[in-house]
Amino acid sequence: MSDDITRNYHGGNPQSVEANKRTRKSQDRARVLQHIWSCGRSGCTCYEAEIALGMRHQTCSARFSDLKNDGVIIGTGQTRPTDTGSPAEVCILARPTSAVTQAELPLV
């Protein structure tokens, strides 16, 4: 898992560096992964996960980026609209859902 997935974006801004130290990345990552797993083959978008999990966009988006960079989830090439009508990429587990048991998922 990346230390700071947004470092290139914020360029080392001191407040962003401090905020990164206070995140609960492992817990948030586990929650996002559990949710994507629960969506099965239909997958979910980051926006849908934000709503379902009650997460802020910045948190959920960063965990989606971590999971993509680590090869745990992949985009399907499909999109679904957000609340503003913008297209959001649908993601699924990189391994078929049937091949990943709930026991393999991190505890939430």
C-alpha atoms as a PDB file:
ATOM      1  CA  MET A   1       0.000   0.000   0.000  1.00  0.00           C
ATOM      2  CA  SER A   2       1.316   3.430  -0.905  1.00  0.00           C
ATOM      3  CA  ASP A   3       2.327   5.764   1.886  1.00  0.00           C
ATOM      4  CA  ASP A   4       0.662   8.850   0.397  1.00  0.00           C
ATOM      5  CA  ILE A   5      -1.283   8.264  -2.792  1.00  0.00           C
ATOM      6  CA  THR A   6      -1.934  12.006  -3.174  1.00  0.00           C
ATOM      7  CA  ARG A   7       1.632  13.287  -2.704  1.00  0.00           C
ATOM      8  CA  ASN A   8       2.024  14.117  -6.401  1.00  0.00           C
ATOM      9  CA  TYR A   9      -1.210  16.087  -6.223  1.00  0.00           C
ATOM     10  CA  HIS A  10      -0.441  18.153  -3.121  1.00  0.00           C
ATOM     11  CA  GLY A  11       3.308  18.404  -3.752  1.00  0.00           C
ATOM     12  CA  GLY A  12       4.306  17.977  -0.112  1.00  0.00           C
ATOM     13  CA  ASN A  13       2.034  20.684   1.285  1.00  0.00           C
ATOM     14  CA  PRO A  14       2.724  20.589   5.070  1.00  0.00           C
ATOM     15  CA  GLN A  15      -0.963  20.434   6.022  1.00  0.00           C
ATOM     16  CA  SER A  16      -1.570  17.573   3.600  1.00  0.00           C
ATOM     17  CA  VAL A  17       1.470  15.692   4.913  1.00  0.00           C
ATOM     18  CA  GLU A  18       0.133  16.040   8.481  1.00  0.00           C
ATOM     19  CA  ALA A  19      -3.367  14.997   7.421  1.00  0.00           C
ATOM     20  CA  ASN A  20      -1.903  11.894   5.755  1.00  0.00           C
ATOM     21  CA  LYS A  21      -0.311  10.871   9.063  1.00  0.00           C
ATOM     22  CA  ARG A  22      -3.696  10.968  10.807  1.00  0.00           C
ATOM     23  CA  THR A  23      -5.597   8.777   8.338  1.00  0.00           C
ATOM     24  CA  ARG A  24      -6.930   5.313   9.128  1.00  0.00           C
ATOM     25  CA  LYS A  25      -5.816   3.844   5.826  1.00  0.00           C
ATOM     26  CA  SER A  26      -5.921   0.188   6.823  1.00  0.00           C
ATOM     27  CA  GLN A  27      -9.399   0.419   8.315  1.00  0.00           C
ATOM     28  CA  ASP A  28     -10.753   2.500   5.458  1.00  0.00           C
ATOM     29  CA  ARG A  29      -9.140   0.228   2.877  1.00  0.00           C
ATOM     30  CA  ALA A  30     -10.711  -2.802   4.541  1.00  0.00           C
ATOM     31  CA  ARG A  31     -14.156  -1.171   4.549  1.00  0.00           C
ATOM     32  CA  VAL A  32     -13.893  -0.237   0.858  1.00  0.00           C
ATOM     33  CA  LEU A  33     -12.627  -3.685  -0.105  1.00  0.00           C
ATOM     34  CA  GLN A  34     -15.426  -5.382   1.848  1.00  0.00           C
ATOM     35  CA  HIS A  35     -17.982  -3.199   0.088  1.00  0.00           C
ATOM     36  CA  ILE A  36     -16.594  -3.907  -3.386  1.00  0.00           C
ATOM     37  CA  TRP A  37     -16.587  -7.626  -2.559  1.00  0.00           C
ATOM     38  CA  SER A  38     -20.215  -7.419  -1.436  1.00  0.00           C
ATOM     39  CA  CYS A  39     -21.211  -5.846  -4.776  1.00  0.00           C
ATOM     40  CA  GLY A  40     -20.067  -8.953  -6.634  1.00  0.00           C
ATOM     41  CA  ARG A  41     -19.929  -8.900 -10.422  1.00  0.00           C
ATOM     42  CA  SER A  42     -21.947  -5.687 -10.682  1.00  0.00           C
ATOM     43  CA  GLY A  43     -19.088  -3.879  -8.944  1.00  0.00           C
ATOM     44  CA  CYS A  44     -19.368  -0.352  -7.672  1.00  0.00           C
ATOM     45  CA  THR A  45     -18.097   3.112  -8.311  1.00  0.00           C
ATOM     46  CA  CYS A  46     -16.186   5.192  -5.832  1.00  0.00           C
ATOM     47  CA  TYR A  47     -19.214   7.451  -5.592  1.00  0.00           C
ATOM     48  CA  GLU A  48     -21.484   4.507  -4.752  1.00  0.00           C
ATOM     49  CA  ALA A  49     -19.023   3.311  -2.094  1.00  0.00           C
ATOM     50  CA  GLU A  50     -18.861   6.816  -0.580  1.00  0.00           C
ATOM     51  CA  ILE A  51     -22.644   6.834  -0.174  1.00  0.00           C
ATOM     52  CA  ALA A  52     -22.911   3.259   1.102  1.00  0.00           C
ATOM     53  CA  LEU A  53     -20.070   3.648   3.591  1.00  0.00           C
ATOM     54  CA  GLY A  54     -20.669   7.254   4.611  1.00  0.00           C
ATOM     55  CA  MET A  55     -17.104   8.169   3.629  1.00  0.00           C
ATOM     56  CA  ARG A  56     -15.820  11.501   2.450  1.00  0.00           C
ATOM     57  CA  HIS A  57     -14.878  11.579  -1.224  1.00  0.00           C
ATOM     58  CA  GLN A  58     -11.195  12.269  -0.509  1.00  0.00           C
ATOM     59  CA  THR A  59     -10.922   9.233   1.753  1.00  0.00           C
ATOM     60  CA  CYS A  60     -12.800   6.808  -0.461  1.00  0.00           C
ATOM     61  CA  SER A  61     -11.100   7.974  -3.654  1.00  0.00           C
ATOM     62  CA  ALA A  62      -7.651   7.553  -2.107  1.00  0.00           C
ATOM     63  CA  ARG A  63      -8.470   4.004  -0.993  1.00  0.00           C
ATOM     64  CA  PHE A  64      -9.811   3.142  -4.473  1.00  0.00           C
ATOM     65  CA  SER A  65      -6.518   4.459  -5.902  1.00  0.00           C
ATOM     66  CA  ASP A  66      -4.497   2.359  -3.419  1.00  0.00           C
ATOM     67  CA  LEU A  67      -6.474  -0.773  -4.279  1.00  0.00           C
ATOM     68  CA  LYS A  68      -6.085  -0.155  -8.026  1.00  0.00           C
ATOM     69  CA  ASN A  69      -2.349   0.527  -7.735  1.00  0.00           C
ATOM     70  CA  ASP A  70      -1.935  -2.669  -5.716  1.00  0.00           C
ATOM     71  CA  GLY A  71      -3.832  -4.700  -8.337  1.00  0.00           C
ATOM     72  CA  VAL A  72      -6.601  -5.668  -5.915  1.00  0.00           C
ATOM     73  CA  ILE A  73      -9.391  -4.007  -7.927  1.00  0.00           C
ATOM     74  CA  ILE A  74      -9.724  -3.199 -11.614  1.00  0.00           C
ATOM     75  CA  GLY A  75     -11.953  -0.987 -13.706  1.00  0.00           C
ATOM     76  CA  THR A  76     -14.511  -2.786 -15.852  1.00  0.00           C
ATOM     77  CA  GLY A  77     -14.594  -0.197 -18.622  1.00  0.00           C
ATOM     78  CA  GLN A  78     -18.186   0.589 -17.668  1.00  0.00           C
ATOM     79  CA  THR A  79     -19.380   3.752 -15.971  1.00  0.00           C
ATOM     80  CA  ARG A  80     -22.385   4.766 -13.907  1.00  0.00           C
ATOM     81  CA  PRO A  81     -23.466   8.336 -13.187  1.00  0.00           C
ATOM     82  CA  THR A  82     -22.748  10.193  -9.964  1.00  0.00           C
ATOM     83  CA  ASP A  83     -25.315  12.514  -8.398  1.00  0.00           C
ATOM     84  CA  THR A  84     -24.177  15.252 -10.786  1.00  0.00           C
ATOM     85  CA  GLY A  85     -24.472  12.998 -13.826  1.00  0.00           C
ATOM     86  CA  SER A  86     -20.712  12.626 -14.270  1.00  0.00           C
ATOM     87  CA  PRO A  87     -19.551   9.177 -15.374  1.00  0.00           C
ATOM     88  CA  ALA A  88     -17.803   7.171 -12.649  1.00  0.00           C
ATOM     89  CA  GLU A  89     -15.787   4.042 -13.378  1.00  0.00           C
ATOM     90  CA  VAL A  90     -17.216   0.746 -12.136  1.00  0.00           C
ATOM     91  CA  CYS A  91     -14.641  -1.370 -10.301  1.00  0.00           C
ATOM     92  CA  ILE A  92     -14.581  -5.034  -9.337  1.00  0.00           C
ATOM     93  CA  LEU A  93     -12.135  -7.316  -7.577  1.00  0.00           C
ATOM     94  CA  ALA A  94      -9.199  -8.288  -9.775  1.00  0.00           C
ATOM     95  CA  ARG A  95      -9.831 -11.913  -8.808  1.00  0.00           C
ATOM     96  CA  PRO A  96     -13.326 -13.244  -9.458  1.00  0.00           C
ATOM     97  CA  THR A  97     -15.631 -12.677  -6.487  1.00  0.00           C
ATOM     98  CA  SER A  98     -16.251 -16.403  -6.258  1.00  0.00           C
ATOM     99  CA  ALA A  99     -12.509 -16.941  -5.818  1.00  0.00           C
ATOM    100  CA  VAL A 100     -12.311 -14.566  -2.854  1.00  0.00           C
ATOM    101  CA  THR A 101     -13.968 -15.767   0.300  1.00  0.00           C
ATOM    102  CA  GLN A 102     -15.126 -13.434   3.032  1.00  0.00           C
ATOM    103  CA  ALA A 103     -12.540 -15.063   5.294  1.00  0.00           C
ATOM    104  CA  GLU A 104      -9.792 -13.646   3.027  1.00  0.00           C
ATOM    105  CA  LEU A 105     -11.068 -10.108   3.430  1.00  0.00           C
ATOM    106  CA  PRO A 106      -9.586  -7.930   6.149  1.00  0.00           C
ATOM    107  CA  LEU A 107     -11.680  -7.558   9.260  1.00  0.00           C
ATOM    108  CA  VAL A 108     -13.658  -4.355   9.225  1.00  0.00           C
END
